[in-house]
Amino acid sequence: WVFIHSDGKVAKKHYTDSWDRLPDSTGW
């Protein structure tokens, strides 16, 4: 699973692991 933002980009940071606050079926 990956998350697509409304600009079409996959949620991630370039070339490294990272935190991101994202929604799913249970909330943010």
mmCIF file of all heavy atoms, coordinates in Angstrom:
data_MODEL
# 
_entry.id   MODEL 
# 
loop_
_atom_site.group_PDB 
_atom_site.id 
_atom_site.type_symbol 
_atom_site.label_atom_id 
_atom_site.label_alt_id 
_atom_site.label_comp_id 
_atom_site.label_asym_id 
_atom_site.label_entity_id 
_atom_site.label_seq_id 
_atom_site.pdbx_PDB_ins_code 
_atom_site.Cartn_x 
_atom_site.Cartn_y 
_atom_site.Cartn_z 
_atom_site.occupancy 
_atom_site.B_iso_or_equiv 
_atom_site.pdbx_formal_charge 
_atom_site.auth_seq_id 
_atom_site.auth_comp_id 
_atom_site.auth_asym_id 
_atom_site.auth_atom_id 
_atom_site.pdbx_PDB_model_num 
ATOM 1   N N   . TRP A 1 1  ? 0.819   -1.195 0.000  1.00 0.00 ? 1  TRP A N   1 
ATOM 2   C CA  . TRP A 1 1  ? 0.000   0.000  0.000  1.00 0.00 ? 1  TRP A CA  1 
ATOM 3   C C   . TRP A 1 1  ? 0.864   1.260  0.000  1.00 0.00 ? 1  TRP A C   1 
ATOM 4   O O   . TRP A 1 1  ? 1.866   1.344  0.726  1.00 0.00 ? 1  TRP A O   1 
ATOM 5   C CB  . TRP A 1 1  ? -0.898  0.041  1.242  1.00 0.00 ? 1  TRP A CB  1 
ATOM 6   C CG  . TRP A 1 1  ? -2.001  -0.982 1.228  1.00 0.00 ? 1  TRP A CG  1 
ATOM 7   C CD1 . TRP A 1 1  ? -2.045  -2.149 1.916  1.00 0.00 ? 1  TRP A CD1 1 
ATOM 8   C CD2 . TRP A 1 1  ? -3.216  -0.910 0.476  1.00 0.00 ? 1  TRP A CD2 1 
ATOM 9   N NE1 . TRP A 1 1  ? -3.209  -2.823 1.660  1.00 0.00 ? 1  TRP A NE1 1 
ATOM 10  C CE2 . TRP A 1 1  ? -3.963  -2.078 0.769  1.00 0.00 ? 1  TRP A CE2 1 
ATOM 11  C CE3 . TRP A 1 1  ? -3.766  0.025  -0.409 1.00 0.00 ? 1  TRP A CE3 1 
ATOM 12  C CZ2 . TRP A 1 1  ? -5.211  -2.342 0.216  1.00 0.00 ? 1  TRP A CZ2 1 
ATOM 13  C CZ3 . TRP A 1 1  ? -5.010  -0.238 -0.965 1.00 0.00 ? 1  TRP A CZ3 1 
ATOM 14  C CH2 . TRP A 1 1  ? -5.716  -1.412 -0.657 1.00 0.00 ? 1  TRP A CH2 1 
ATOM 15  N N   . VAL A 1 2  ? 0.472   2.230  -0.824 1.00 0.00 ? 2  VAL A N   1 
ATOM 16  C CA  . VAL A 1 2  ? 1.057   3.565  -0.779 1.00 0.00 ? 2  VAL A CA  1 
ATOM 17  C C   . VAL A 1 2  ? -0.088  4.573  -0.845 1.00 0.00 ? 2  VAL A C   1 
ATOM 18  O O   . VAL A 1 2  ? -1.191  4.244  -1.288 1.00 0.00 ? 2  VAL A O   1 
ATOM 19  C CB  . VAL A 1 2  ? 2.054   3.813  -1.941 1.00 0.00 ? 2  VAL A CB  1 
ATOM 20  C CG1 . VAL A 1 2  ? 3.265   2.904  -1.825 1.00 0.00 ? 2  VAL A CG1 1 
ATOM 21  C CG2 . VAL A 1 2  ? 1.368   3.636  -3.298 1.00 0.00 ? 2  VAL A CG2 1 
ATOM 22  N N   . PHE A 1 3  ? 0.189   5.794  -0.400 1.00 0.00 ? 3  PHE A N   1 
ATOM 23  C CA  . PHE A 1 3  ? -0.856  6.814  -0.372 1.00 0.00 ? 3  PHE A CA  1 
ATOM 24  C C   . PHE A 1 3  ? -0.586  7.854  -1.449 1.00 0.00 ? 3  PHE A C   1 
ATOM 25  O O   . PHE A 1 3  ? 0.515   8.405  -1.532 1.00 0.00 ? 3  PHE A O   1 
ATOM 26  C CB  . PHE A 1 3  ? -0.918  7.503  0.992  1.00 0.00 ? 3  PHE A CB  1 
ATOM 27  C CG  . PHE A 1 3  ? -2.081  8.436  1.154  1.00 0.00 ? 3  PHE A CG  1 
ATOM 28  C CD1 . PHE A 1 3  ? -3.306  7.961  1.580  1.00 0.00 ? 3  PHE A CD1 1 
ATOM 29  C CD2 . PHE A 1 3  ? -1.955  9.788  0.850  1.00 0.00 ? 3  PHE A CD2 1 
ATOM 30  C CE1 . PHE A 1 3  ? -4.390  8.800  1.720  1.00 0.00 ? 3  PHE A CE1 1 
ATOM 31  C CE2 . PHE A 1 3  ? -3.037  10.646 0.987  1.00 0.00 ? 3  PHE A CE2 1 
ATOM 32  C CZ  . PHE A 1 3  ? -4.264  10.151 1.421  1.00 0.00 ? 3  PHE A CZ  1 
ATOM 33  N N   . ILE A 1 4  ? -1.608  8.118  -2.292 1.00 0.00 ? 4  ILE A N   1 
ATOM 34  C CA  . ILE A 1 4  ? -1.496  9.134  -3.339 1.00 0.00 ? 4  ILE A CA  1 
ATOM 35  C C   . ILE A 1 4  ? -2.144  10.429 -2.850 1.00 0.00 ? 4  ILE A C   1 
ATOM 36  O O   . ILE A 1 4  ? -3.308  10.441 -2.439 1.00 0.00 ? 4  ILE A O   1 
ATOM 37  C CB  . ILE A 1 4  ? -2.176  8.664  -4.641 1.00 0.00 ? 4  ILE A CB  1 
ATOM 38  C CG1 . ILE A 1 4  ? -1.516  7.383  -5.158 1.00 0.00 ? 4  ILE A CG1 1 
ATOM 39  C CG2 . ILE A 1 4  ? -2.128  9.761  -5.699 1.00 0.00 ? 4  ILE A CG2 1 
ATOM 40  C CD1 . ILE A 1 4  ? -2.196  6.791  -6.382 1.00 0.00 ? 4  ILE A CD1 1 
ATOM 41  N N   . HIS A 1 5  ? -1.379  11.530 -2.896 1.00 0.00 ? 5  HIS A N   1 
ATOM 42  C CA  . HIS A 1 5  ? -1.928  12.843 -2.584 1.00 0.00 ? 5  HIS A CA  1 
ATOM 43  C C   . HIS A 1 5  ? -2.726  13.386 -3.774 1.00 0.00 ? 5  HIS A C   1 
ATOM 44  O O   . HIS A 1 5  ? -2.662  12.843 -4.893 1.00 0.00 ? 5  HIS A O   1 
ATOM 45  C CB  . HIS A 1 5  ? -0.799  13.813 -2.239 1.00 0.00 ? 5  HIS A CB  1 
ATOM 46  C CG  . HIS A 1 5  ? -0.181  13.568 -0.902 1.00 0.00 ? 5  HIS A CG  1 
ATOM 47  N ND1 . HIS A 1 5  ? -0.874  13.623 0.276  1.00 0.00 ? 5  HIS A ND1 1 
ATOM 48  C CD2 . HIS A 1 5  ? 1.110   13.255 -0.561 1.00 0.00 ? 5  HIS A CD2 1 
ATOM 49  C CE1 . HIS A 1 5  ? -0.070  13.382 1.289  1.00 0.00 ? 5  HIS A CE1 1 
ATOM 50  N NE2 . HIS A 1 5  ? 1.140   13.136 0.811  1.00 0.00 ? 5  HIS A NE2 1 
ATOM 51  N N   . SER A 1 6  ? -3.452  14.469 -3.551 1.00 0.00 ? 6  SER A N   1 
ATOM 52  C CA  . SER A 1 6  ? -4.321  15.019 -4.586 1.00 0.00 ? 6  SER A CA  1 
ATOM 53  C C   . SER A 1 6  ? -3.535  15.610 -5.764 1.00 0.00 ? 6  SER A C   1 
ATOM 54  O O   . SER A 1 6  ? -4.110  15.888 -6.809 1.00 0.00 ? 6  SER A O   1 
ATOM 55  C CB  . SER A 1 6  ? -5.255  16.078 -3.999 1.00 0.00 ? 6  SER A CB  1 
ATOM 56  O OG  . SER A 1 6  ? -4.510  17.081 -3.334 1.00 0.00 ? 6  SER A OG  1 
ATOM 57  N N   . ASP A 1 7  ? -2.219  15.799 -5.606 1.00 0.00 ? 7  ASP A N   1 
ATOM 58  C CA  . ASP A 1 7  ? -1.401  16.241 -6.743 1.00 0.00 ? 7  ASP A CA  1 
ATOM 59  C C   . ASP A 1 7  ? -0.833  15.058 -7.524 1.00 0.00 ? 7  ASP A C   1 
ATOM 60  O O   . ASP A 1 7  ? -0.044  15.245 -8.460 1.00 0.00 ? 7  ASP A O   1 
ATOM 61  C CB  . ASP A 1 7  ? -0.269  17.158 -6.283 1.00 0.00 ? 7  ASP A CB  1 
ATOM 62  C CG  . ASP A 1 7  ? 0.713   16.451 -5.330 1.00 0.00 ? 7  ASP A CG  1 
ATOM 63  O OD1 . ASP A 1 7  ? 0.478   15.283 -4.975 1.00 0.00 ? 7  ASP A OD1 1 
ATOM 64  O OD2 . ASP A 1 7  ? 1.711   17.103 -4.934 1.00 0.00 ? 7  ASP A OD2 1 
ATOM 65  N N   . GLY A 1 8  ? -1.243  13.854 -7.114 1.00 0.00 ? 8  GLY A N   1 
ATOM 66  C CA  . GLY A 1 8  ? -0.809  12.649 -7.819 1.00 0.00 ? 8  GLY A CA  1 
ATOM 67  C C   . GLY A 1 8  ? 0.451   12.015 -7.269 1.00 0.00 ? 8  GLY A C   1 
ATOM 68  O O   . GLY A 1 8  ? 0.771   10.868 -7.609 1.00 0.00 ? 8  GLY A O   1 
ATOM 69  N N   . LYS A 1 9  ? 1.163   12.738 -6.421 1.00 0.00 ? 9  LYS A N   1 
ATOM 70  C CA  . LYS A 1 9  ? 2.416   12.199 -5.880 1.00 0.00 ? 9  LYS A CA  1 
ATOM 71  C C   . LYS A 1 9  ? 2.137   11.193 -4.771 1.00 0.00 ? 9  LYS A C   1 
ATOM 72  O O   . LYS A 1 9  ? 1.233   11.385 -3.952 1.00 0.00 ? 9  LYS A O   1 
ATOM 73  C CB  . LYS A 1 9  ? 3.294   13.314 -5.325 1.00 0.00 ? 9  LYS A CB  1 
ATOM 74  C CG  . LYS A 1 9  ? 3.865   14.254 -6.364 1.00 0.00 ? 9  LYS A CG  1 
ATOM 75  C CD  . LYS A 1 9  ? 4.764   15.307 -5.707 1.00 0.00 ? 9  LYS A CD  1 
ATOM 76  C CE  . LYS A 1 9  ? 5.279   16.313 -6.727 1.00 0.00 ? 9  LYS A CE  1 
ATOM 77  N NZ  . LYS A 1 9  ? 6.121   17.367 -6.104 1.00 0.00 ? 9  LYS A NZ  1 
ATOM 78  N N   . VAL A 1 10 ? 2.968   10.139 -4.733 1.00 0.00 ? 10 VAL A N   1 
ATOM 79  C CA  . VAL A 1 10 ? 2.937   9.199  -3.613 1.00 0.00 ? 10 VAL A CA  1 
ATOM 80  C C   . VAL A 1 10 ? 3.551   9.879  -2.394 1.00 0.00 ? 10 VAL A C   1 
ATOM 81  O O   . VAL A 1 10 ? 4.576   10.569 -2.492 1.00 0.00 ? 10 VAL A O   1 
ATOM 82  C CB  . VAL A 1 10 ? 3.696   7.915  -3.963 1.00 0.00 ? 10 VAL A CB  1 
ATOM 83  C CG1 . VAL A 1 10 ? 3.942   7.058  -2.723 1.00 0.00 ? 10 VAL A CG1 1 
ATOM 84  C CG2 . VAL A 1 10 ? 2.919   7.112  -5.002 1.00 0.00 ? 10 VAL A CG2 1 
ATOM 85  N N   . ALA A 1 11 ? 2.903   9.688  -1.227 1.00 0.00 ? 11 ALA A N   1 
ATOM 86  C CA  . ALA A 1 11 ? 3.420   10.241 0.032  1.00 0.00 ? 11 ALA A CA  1 
ATOM 87  C C   . ALA A 1 11 ? 4.739   9.571  0.377  1.00 0.00 ? 11 ALA A C   1 
ATOM 88  O O   . ALA A 1 11 ? 4.784   8.361  0.599  1.00 0.00 ? 11 ALA A O   1 
ATOM 89  C CB  . ALA A 1 11 ? 2.403   10.035 1.146  1.00 0.00 ? 11 ALA A CB  1 
ATOM 90  N N   . LYS A 1 12 ? 5.803   10.338 0.422  1.00 0.00 ? 12 LYS A N   1 
ATOM 91  C CA  . LYS A 1 12 ? 7.119   9.822  0.788  1.00 0.00 ? 12 LYS A CA  1 
ATOM 92  C C   . LYS A 1 12 ? 8.095   10.985 0.809  1.00 0.00 ? 12 LYS A C   1 
ATOM 93  O O   . LYS A 1 12 ? 7.784   12.101 0.371  1.00 0.00 ? 12 LYS A O   1 
ATOM 94  C CB  . LYS A 1 12 ? 7.604   8.747  -0.193 1.00 0.00 ? 12 LYS A CB  1 
ATOM 95  C CG  . LYS A 1 12 ? 7.861   9.265  -1.598 1.00 0.00 ? 12 LYS A CG  1 
ATOM 96  C CD  . LYS A 1 12 ? 8.480   8.206  -2.476 1.00 0.00 ? 12 LYS A CD  1 
ATOM 97  C CE  . LYS A 1 12 ? 8.869   8.773  -3.838 1.00 0.00 ? 12 LYS A CE  1 
ATOM 98  N NZ  . LYS A 1 12 ? 9.775   7.900  -4.581 1.00 0.00 ? 12 LYS A NZ  1 
ATOM 99  N N   . LYS A 1 13 ? 9.289   10.710 1.311  1.00 0.00 ? 13 LYS A N   1 
ATOM 100 C CA  . LYS A 1 13 ? 10.377  11.683 1.273  1.00 0.00 ? 13 LYS A CA  1 
ATOM 101 C C   . LYS A 1 13 ? 11.451  11.135 0.349  1.00 0.00 ? 13 LYS A C   1 
ATOM 102 O O   . LYS A 1 13 ? 11.707  9.929  0.315  1.00 0.00 ? 13 LYS A O   1 
ATOM 103 C CB  . LYS A 1 13 ? 10.950  11.913 2.677  1.00 0.00 ? 13 LYS A CB  1 
ATOM 104 C CG  . LYS A 1 13 ? 11.937  13.053 2.766  1.00 0.00 ? 13 LYS A CG  1 
ATOM 105 C CD  . LYS A 1 13 ? 12.323  13.336 4.212  1.00 0.00 ? 13 LYS A CD  1 
ATOM 106 C CE  . LYS A 1 13 ? 13.309  14.509 4.287  1.00 0.00 ? 13 LYS A CE  1 
ATOM 107 N NZ  . LYS A 1 13 ? 13.716  14.792 5.686  1.00 0.00 ? 13 LYS A NZ  1 
ATOM 108 N N   . HIS A 1 14 ? 12.084  12.036 -0.376 1.00 0.00 ? 14 HIS A N   1 
ATOM 109 C CA  . HIS A 1 14 ? 13.061  11.579 -1.364 1.00 0.00 ? 14 HIS A CA  1 
ATOM 110 C C   . HIS A 1 14 ? 14.219  10.820 -0.718 1.00 0.00 ? 14 HIS A C   1 
ATOM 111 O O   . HIS A 1 14 ? 14.885  11.321 0.177  1.00 0.00 ? 14 HIS A O   1 
ATOM 112 C CB  . HIS A 1 14 ? 13.621  12.765 -2.146 1.00 0.00 ? 14 HIS A CB  1 
ATOM 113 C CG  . HIS A 1 14 ? 12.598  13.466 -2.984 1.00 0.00 ? 14 HIS A CG  1 
ATOM 114 N ND1 . HIS A 1 14 ? 12.812  14.668 -3.588 1.00 0.00 ? 14 HIS A ND1 1 
ATOM 115 C CD2 . HIS A 1 14 ? 11.318  13.124 -3.314 1.00 0.00 ? 14 HIS A CD2 1 
ATOM 116 C CE1 . HIS A 1 14 ? 11.739  15.051 -4.251 1.00 0.00 ? 14 HIS A CE1 1 
ATOM 117 N NE2 . HIS A 1 14 ? 10.815  14.126 -4.093 1.00 0.00 ? 14 HIS A NE2 1 
ATOM 118 N N   . TYR A 1 15 ? 14.409  9.604  -1.150 1.00 0.00 ? 15 TYR A N   1 
ATOM 119 C CA  . TYR A 1 15 ? 15.590  8.785  -0.867 1.00 0.00 ? 15 TYR A CA  1 
ATOM 120 C C   . TYR A 1 15 ? 15.772  8.402  0.603  1.00 0.00 ? 15 TYR A C   1 
ATOM 121 O O   . TYR A 1 15 ? 16.843  7.937  0.973  1.00 0.00 ? 15 TYR A O   1 
ATOM 122 C CB  . TYR A 1 15 ? 16.872  9.496  -1.349 1.00 0.00 ? 15 TYR A CB  1 
ATOM 123 C CG  . TYR A 1 15 ? 16.766  10.009 -2.768 1.00 0.00 ? 15 TYR A CG  1 
ATOM 124 C CD1 . TYR A 1 15 ? 16.702  11.375 -3.038 1.00 0.00 ? 15 TYR A CD1 1 
ATOM 125 C CD2 . TYR A 1 15 ? 16.714  9.123  -3.840 1.00 0.00 ? 15 TYR A CD2 1 
ATOM 126 C CE1 . TYR A 1 15 ? 16.602  11.852 -4.347 1.00 0.00 ? 15 TYR A CE1 1 
ATOM 127 C CE2 . TYR A 1 15 ? 16.605  9.597  -5.156 1.00 0.00 ? 15 TYR A CE2 1 
ATOM 128 C CZ  . TYR A 1 15 ? 16.553  10.961 -5.399 1.00 0.00 ? 15 TYR A CZ  1 
ATOM 129 O OH  . TYR A 1 15 ? 16.441  11.430 -6.670 1.00 0.00 ? 15 TYR A OH  1 
ATOM 130 N N   . THR A 1 16 ? 14.765  8.571  1.436  1.00 0.00 ? 16 THR A N   1 
ATOM 131 C CA  . THR A 1 16 ? 14.933  8.222  2.847  1.00 0.00 ? 16 THR A CA  1 
ATOM 132 C C   . THR A 1 16 ? 13.591  7.873  3.461  1.00 0.00 ? 16 THR A C   1 
ATOM 133 O O   . THR A 1 16 ? 12.534  8.249  2.949  1.00 0.00 ? 16 THR A O   1 
ATOM 134 C CB  . THR A 1 16 ? 15.595  9.379  3.620  1.00 0.00 ? 16 THR A CB  1 
ATOM 135 O OG1 . THR A 1 16 ? 15.857  8.972  4.972  1.00 0.00 ? 16 THR A OG1 1 
ATOM 136 C CG2 . THR A 1 16 ? 14.700  10.602 3.684  1.00 0.00 ? 16 THR A CG2 1 
ATOM 137 N N   . ASP A 1 17 ? 13.636  7.141  4.585  1.00 0.00 ? 17 ASP A N   1 
ATOM 138 C CA  . ASP A 1 17 ? 12.427  6.887  5.363  1.00 0.00 ? 17 ASP A CA  1 
ATOM 139 C C   . ASP A 1 17 ? 11.946  8.194  5.985  1.00 0.00 ? 17 ASP A C   1 
ATOM 140 O O   . ASP A 1 17 ? 12.734  9.113  6.241  1.00 0.00 ? 17 ASP A O   1 
ATOM 141 C CB  . ASP A 1 17 ? 12.721  5.883  6.481  1.00 0.00 ? 17 ASP A CB  1 
ATOM 142 C CG  . ASP A 1 17 ? 13.103  4.513  5.954  1.00 0.00 ? 17 ASP A CG  1 
ATOM 143 O OD1 . ASP A 1 17 ? 12.938  4.267  4.744  1.00 0.00 ? 17 ASP A OD1 1 
ATOM 144 O OD2 . ASP A 1 17 ? 13.584  3.684  6.750  1.00 0.00 ? 17 ASP A OD2 1 
ATOM 145 N N   . SER A 1 18 ? 10.632  8.242  6.269  1.00 0.00 ? 18 SER A N   1 
ATOM 146 C CA  . SER A 1 18 ? 10.083  9.485  6.831  1.00 0.00 ? 18 SER A CA  1 
ATOM 147 C C   . SER A 1 18 ? 8.719   9.234  7.460  1.00 0.00 ? 18 SER A C   1 
ATOM 148 O O   . SER A 1 18 ? 8.031   8.259  7.151  1.00 0.00 ? 18 SER A O   1 
ATOM 149 C CB  . SER A 1 18 ? 9.942   10.550 5.733  1.00 0.00 ? 18 SER A CB  1 
ATOM 150 O OG  . SER A 1 18 ? 9.041   10.094 4.722  1.00 0.00 ? 18 SER A OG  1 
ATOM 151 N N   . TRP A 1 19 ? 8.347   10.162 8.369  1.00 0.00 ? 19 TRP A N   1 
ATOM 152 C CA  . TRP A 1 19 ? 7.006   10.176 8.946  1.00 0.00 ? 19 TRP A CA  1 
ATOM 153 C C   . TRP A 1 19 ? 6.068   10.983 8.045  1.00 0.00 ? 19 TRP A C   1 
ATOM 154 O O   . TRP A 1 19 ? 6.469   11.992 7.474  1.00 0.00 ? 19 TRP A O   1 
ATOM 155 C CB  . TRP A 1 19 ? 7.019   10.823 10.328 1.00 0.00 ? 19 TRP A CB  1 
ATOM 156 C CG  . TRP A 1 19 ? 7.678   10.002 11.385 1.00 0.00 ? 19 TRP A CG  1 
ATOM 157 C CD1 . TRP A 1 19 ? 8.908   10.195 11.929 1.00 0.00 ? 19 TRP A CD1 1 
ATOM 158 C CD2 . TRP A 1 19 ? 7.124   8.864  12.045 1.00 0.00 ? 19 TRP A CD2 1 
ATOM 159 N NE1 . TRP A 1 19 ? 9.168   9.253  12.881 1.00 0.00 ? 19 TRP A NE1 1 
ATOM 160 C CE2 . TRP A 1 19 ? 8.092   8.417  12.983 1.00 0.00 ? 19 TRP A CE2 1 
ATOM 161 C CE3 . TRP A 1 19 ? 5.921   8.171  11.936 1.00 0.00 ? 19 TRP A CE3 1 
ATOM 162 C CZ2 . TRP A 1 19 ? 7.883   7.317  13.806 1.00 0.00 ? 19 TRP A CZ2 1 
ATOM 163 C CZ3 . TRP A 1 19 ? 5.710   7.072  12.749 1.00 0.00 ? 19 TRP A CZ3 1 
ATOM 164 C CH2 . TRP A 1 19 ? 6.679   6.647  13.671 1.00 0.00 ? 19 TRP A CH2 1 
ATOM 165 N N   . ASP A 1 20 ? 4.795   10.527 7.970  1.00 0.00 ? 20 ASP A N   1 
ATOM 166 C CA  . ASP A 1 20 ? 3.761   11.316 7.301  1.00 0.00 ? 20 ASP A CA  1 
ATOM 167 C C   . ASP A 1 20 ? 2.434   11.035 7.997  1.00 0.00 ? 20 ASP A C   1 
ATOM 168 O O   . ASP A 1 20 ? 2.123   9.881  8.317  1.00 0.00 ? 20 ASP A O   1 
ATOM 169 C CB  . ASP A 1 20 ? 3.666   10.971 5.819  1.00 0.00 ? 20 ASP A CB  1 
ATOM 170 C CG  . ASP A 1 20 ? 3.173   12.152 4.979  1.00 0.00 ? 20 ASP A CG  1 
ATOM 171 O OD1 . ASP A 1 20 ? 2.523   13.046 5.551  1.00 0.00 ? 20 ASP A OD1 1 
ATOM 172 O OD2 . ASP A 1 20 ? 3.461   12.167 3.768  1.00 0.00 ? 20 ASP A OD2 1 
ATOM 173 N N   . ARG A 1 21 ? 1.693   12.094 8.251  1.00 0.00 ? 21 ARG A N   1 
ATOM 174 C CA  . ARG A 1 21 ? 0.374   11.951 8.891  1.00 0.00 ? 21 ARG A CA  1 
ATOM 175 C C   . ARG A 1 21 ? -0.670  11.832 7.785  1.00 0.00 ? 21 ARG A C   1 
ATOM 176 O O   . ARG A 1 21 ? -0.868  12.772 6.996  1.00 0.00 ? 21 ARG A O   1 
ATOM 177 C CB  . ARG A 1 21 ? 0.077   13.135 9.801  1.00 0.00 ? 21 ARG A CB  1 
ATOM 178 C CG  . ARG A 1 21 ? -1.116  12.888 10.726 1.00 0.00 ? 21 ARG A CG  1 
ATOM 179 C CD  . ARG A 1 21 ? -1.157  13.917 11.851 1.00 0.00 ? 21 ARG A CD  1 
ATOM 180 N NE  . ARG A 1 21 ? -2.281  13.637 12.753 1.00 0.00 ? 21 ARG A NE  1 
ATOM 181 C CZ  . ARG A 1 21 ? -3.505  14.143 12.595 1.00 0.00 ? 21 ARG A CZ  1 
ATOM 182 N NH1 . ARG A 1 21 ? -3.752  14.965 11.600 1.00 0.00 ? 21 ARG A NH1 1 
ATOM 183 N NH2 . ARG A 1 21 ? -4.469  13.834 13.446 1.00 0.00 ? 21 ARG A NH2 1 
ATOM 184 N N   . LEU A 1 22 ? -1.318  10.676 7.726  1.00 0.00 ? 22 LEU A N   1 
ATOM 185 C CA  . LEU A 1 22 ? -2.206  10.350 6.612  1.00 0.00 ? 22 LEU A CA  1 
ATOM 186 C C   . LEU A 1 22 ? -3.505  9.749  7.132  1.00 0.00 ? 22 LEU A C   1 
ATOM 187 O O   . LEU A 1 22 ? -3.542  9.158  8.215  1.00 0.00 ? 22 LEU A O   1 
ATOM 188 C CB  . LEU A 1 22 ? -1.524  9.343  5.672  1.00 0.00 ? 22 LEU A CB  1 
ATOM 189 C CG  . LEU A 1 22 ? -0.182  9.779  5.067  1.00 0.00 ? 22 LEU A CG  1 
ATOM 190 C CD1 . LEU A 1 22 ? 0.501   8.603  4.388  1.00 0.00 ? 22 LEU A CD1 1 
ATOM 191 C CD2 . LEU A 1 22 ? -0.380  10.935 4.091  1.00 0.00 ? 22 LEU A CD2 1 
ATOM 192 N N   . PRO A 1 23 ? -4.569  9.854  6.360  1.00 0.00 ? 23 PRO A N   1 
ATOM 193 C CA  . PRO A 1 23 ? -5.831  9.243  6.773  1.00 0.00 ? 23 PRO A CA  1 
ATOM 194 C C   . PRO A 1 23 ? -5.939  7.797  6.294  1.00 0.00 ? 23 PRO A C   1 
ATOM 195 O O   . PRO A 1 23 ? -5.364  7.410  5.281  1.00 0.00 ? 23 PRO A O   1 
ATOM 196 C CB  . PRO A 1 23 ? -6.871  10.115 6.062  1.00 0.00 ? 23 PRO A CB  1 
ATOM 197 C CG  . PRO A 1 23 ? -6.180  10.535 4.795  1.00 0.00 ? 23 PRO A CG  1 
ATOM 198 C CD  . PRO A 1 23 ? -4.723  10.681 5.146  1.00 0.00 ? 23 PRO A CD  1 
ATOM 199 N N   . ASP A 1 24 ? -6.682  7.003  7.057  1.00 0.00 ? 24 ASP A N   1 
ATOM 200 C CA  . ASP A 1 24 ? -7.133  5.702  6.563  1.00 0.00 ? 24 ASP A CA  1 
ATOM 201 C C   . ASP A 1 24 ? -8.571  5.513  7.052  1.00 0.00 ? 24 ASP A C   1 
ATOM 202 O O   . ASP A 1 24 ? -9.214  6.476  7.494  1.00 0.00 ? 24 ASP A O   1 
ATOM 203 C CB  . ASP A 1 24 ? -6.190  4.569  6.974  1.00 0.00 ? 24 ASP A CB  1 
ATOM 204 C CG  . ASP A 1 24 ? -6.127  4.319  8.471  1.00 0.00 ? 24 ASP A CG  1 
ATOM 205 O OD1 . ASP A 1 24 ? -6.962  4.865  9.230  1.00 0.00 ? 24 ASP A OD1 1 
ATOM 206 O OD2 . ASP A 1 24 ? -5.234  3.562  8.906  1.00 0.00 ? 24 ASP A OD2 1 
ATOM 207 N N   . SER A 1 25 ? -9.063  4.303  6.998  1.00 0.00 ? 25 SER A N   1 
ATOM 208 C CA  . SER A 1 25 ? -10.472 4.057  7.336  1.00 0.00 ? 25 SER A CA  1 
ATOM 209 C C   . SER A 1 25 ? -10.778 4.303  8.808  1.00 0.00 ? 25 SER A C   1 
ATOM 210 O O   . SER A 1 25 ? -11.953 4.399  9.185  1.00 0.00 ? 25 SER A O   1 
ATOM 211 C CB  . SER A 1 25 ? -10.850 2.618  6.972  1.00 0.00 ? 25 SER A CB  1 
ATOM 212 O OG  . SER A 1 25 ? -10.022 1.690  7.680  1.00 0.00 ? 25 SER A OG  1 
ATOM 213 N N   . THR A 1 26 ? -9.752  4.407  9.643  1.00 0.00 ? 26 THR A N   1 
ATOM 214 C CA  . THR A 1 26 ? -9.972  4.601  11.086 1.00 0.00 ? 26 THR A CA  1 
ATOM 215 C C   . THR A 1 26 ? -9.655  6.020  11.545 1.00 0.00 ? 26 THR A C   1 
ATOM 216 O O   . THR A 1 26 ? -9.732  6.308  12.733 1.00 0.00 ? 26 THR A O   1 
ATOM 217 C CB  . THR A 1 26 ? -9.112  3.608  11.891 1.00 0.00 ? 26 THR A CB  1 
ATOM 218 O OG1 . THR A 1 26 ? -7.720  3.913  11.677 1.00 0.00 ? 26 THR A OG1 1 
ATOM 219 C CG2 . THR A 1 26 ? -9.394  2.172  11.472 1.00 0.00 ? 26 THR A CG2 1 
ATOM 220 N N   . GLY A 1 27 ? -9.234  6.887  10.643 1.00 0.00 ? 27 GLY A N   1 
ATOM 221 C CA  . GLY A 1 27 ? -8.912  8.261  11.007 1.00 0.00 ? 27 GLY A CA  1 
ATOM 222 C C   . GLY A 1 27 ? -7.516  8.647  10.541 1.00 0.00 ? 27 GLY A C   1 
ATOM 223 O O   . GLY A 1 27 ? -6.933  7.991  9.668  1.00 0.00 ? 27 GLY A O   1 
ATOM 224 N N   . TRP A 1 28 ? -6.994  9.732  11.125 1.00 0.00 ? 28 TRP A N   1 
ATOM 225 C CA  . TRP A 1 28 ? -5.666  10.216 10.766 1.00 0.00 ? 28 TRP A CA  1 
ATOM 226 C C   . TRP A 1 28 ? -4.623  9.599  11.696 1.00 0.00 ? 28 TRP A C   1 
ATOM 227 O O   . TRP A 1 28 ? -4.817  9.537  12.907 1.00 0.00 ? 28 TRP A O   1 
ATOM 228 C CB  . TRP A 1 28 ? -5.613  11.731 10.864 1.00 0.00 ? 28 TRP A CB  1 
ATOM 229 C CG  . TRP A 1 28 ? -6.331  12.409 9.728  1.00 0.00 ? 28 TRP A CG  1 
ATOM 230 C CD1 . TRP A 1 28 ? -7.673  12.610 9.609  1.00 0.00 ? 28 TRP A CD1 1 
ATOM 231 C CD2 . TRP A 1 28 ? -5.729  12.946 8.555  1.00 0.00 ? 28 TRP A CD2 1 
ATOM 232 N NE1 . TRP A 1 28 ? -7.963  13.248 8.441  1.00 0.00 ? 28 TRP A NE1 1 
ATOM 233 C CE2 . TRP A 1 28 ? -6.788  13.477 7.763  1.00 0.00 ? 28 TRP A CE2 1 
ATOM 234 C CE3 . TRP A 1 28 ? -4.423  13.051 8.086  1.00 0.00 ? 28 TRP A CE3 1 
ATOM 235 C CZ2 . TRP A 1 28 ? -6.563  14.096 6.535  1.00 0.00 ? 28 TRP A CZ2 1 
ATOM 236 C CZ3 . TRP A 1 28 ? -4.193  13.674 6.869  1.00 0.00 ? 28 TRP A CZ3 1 
ATOM 237 C CH2 . TRP A 1 28 ? -5.256  14.179 6.098  1.00 0.00 ? 28 TRP A CH2 1 
# 
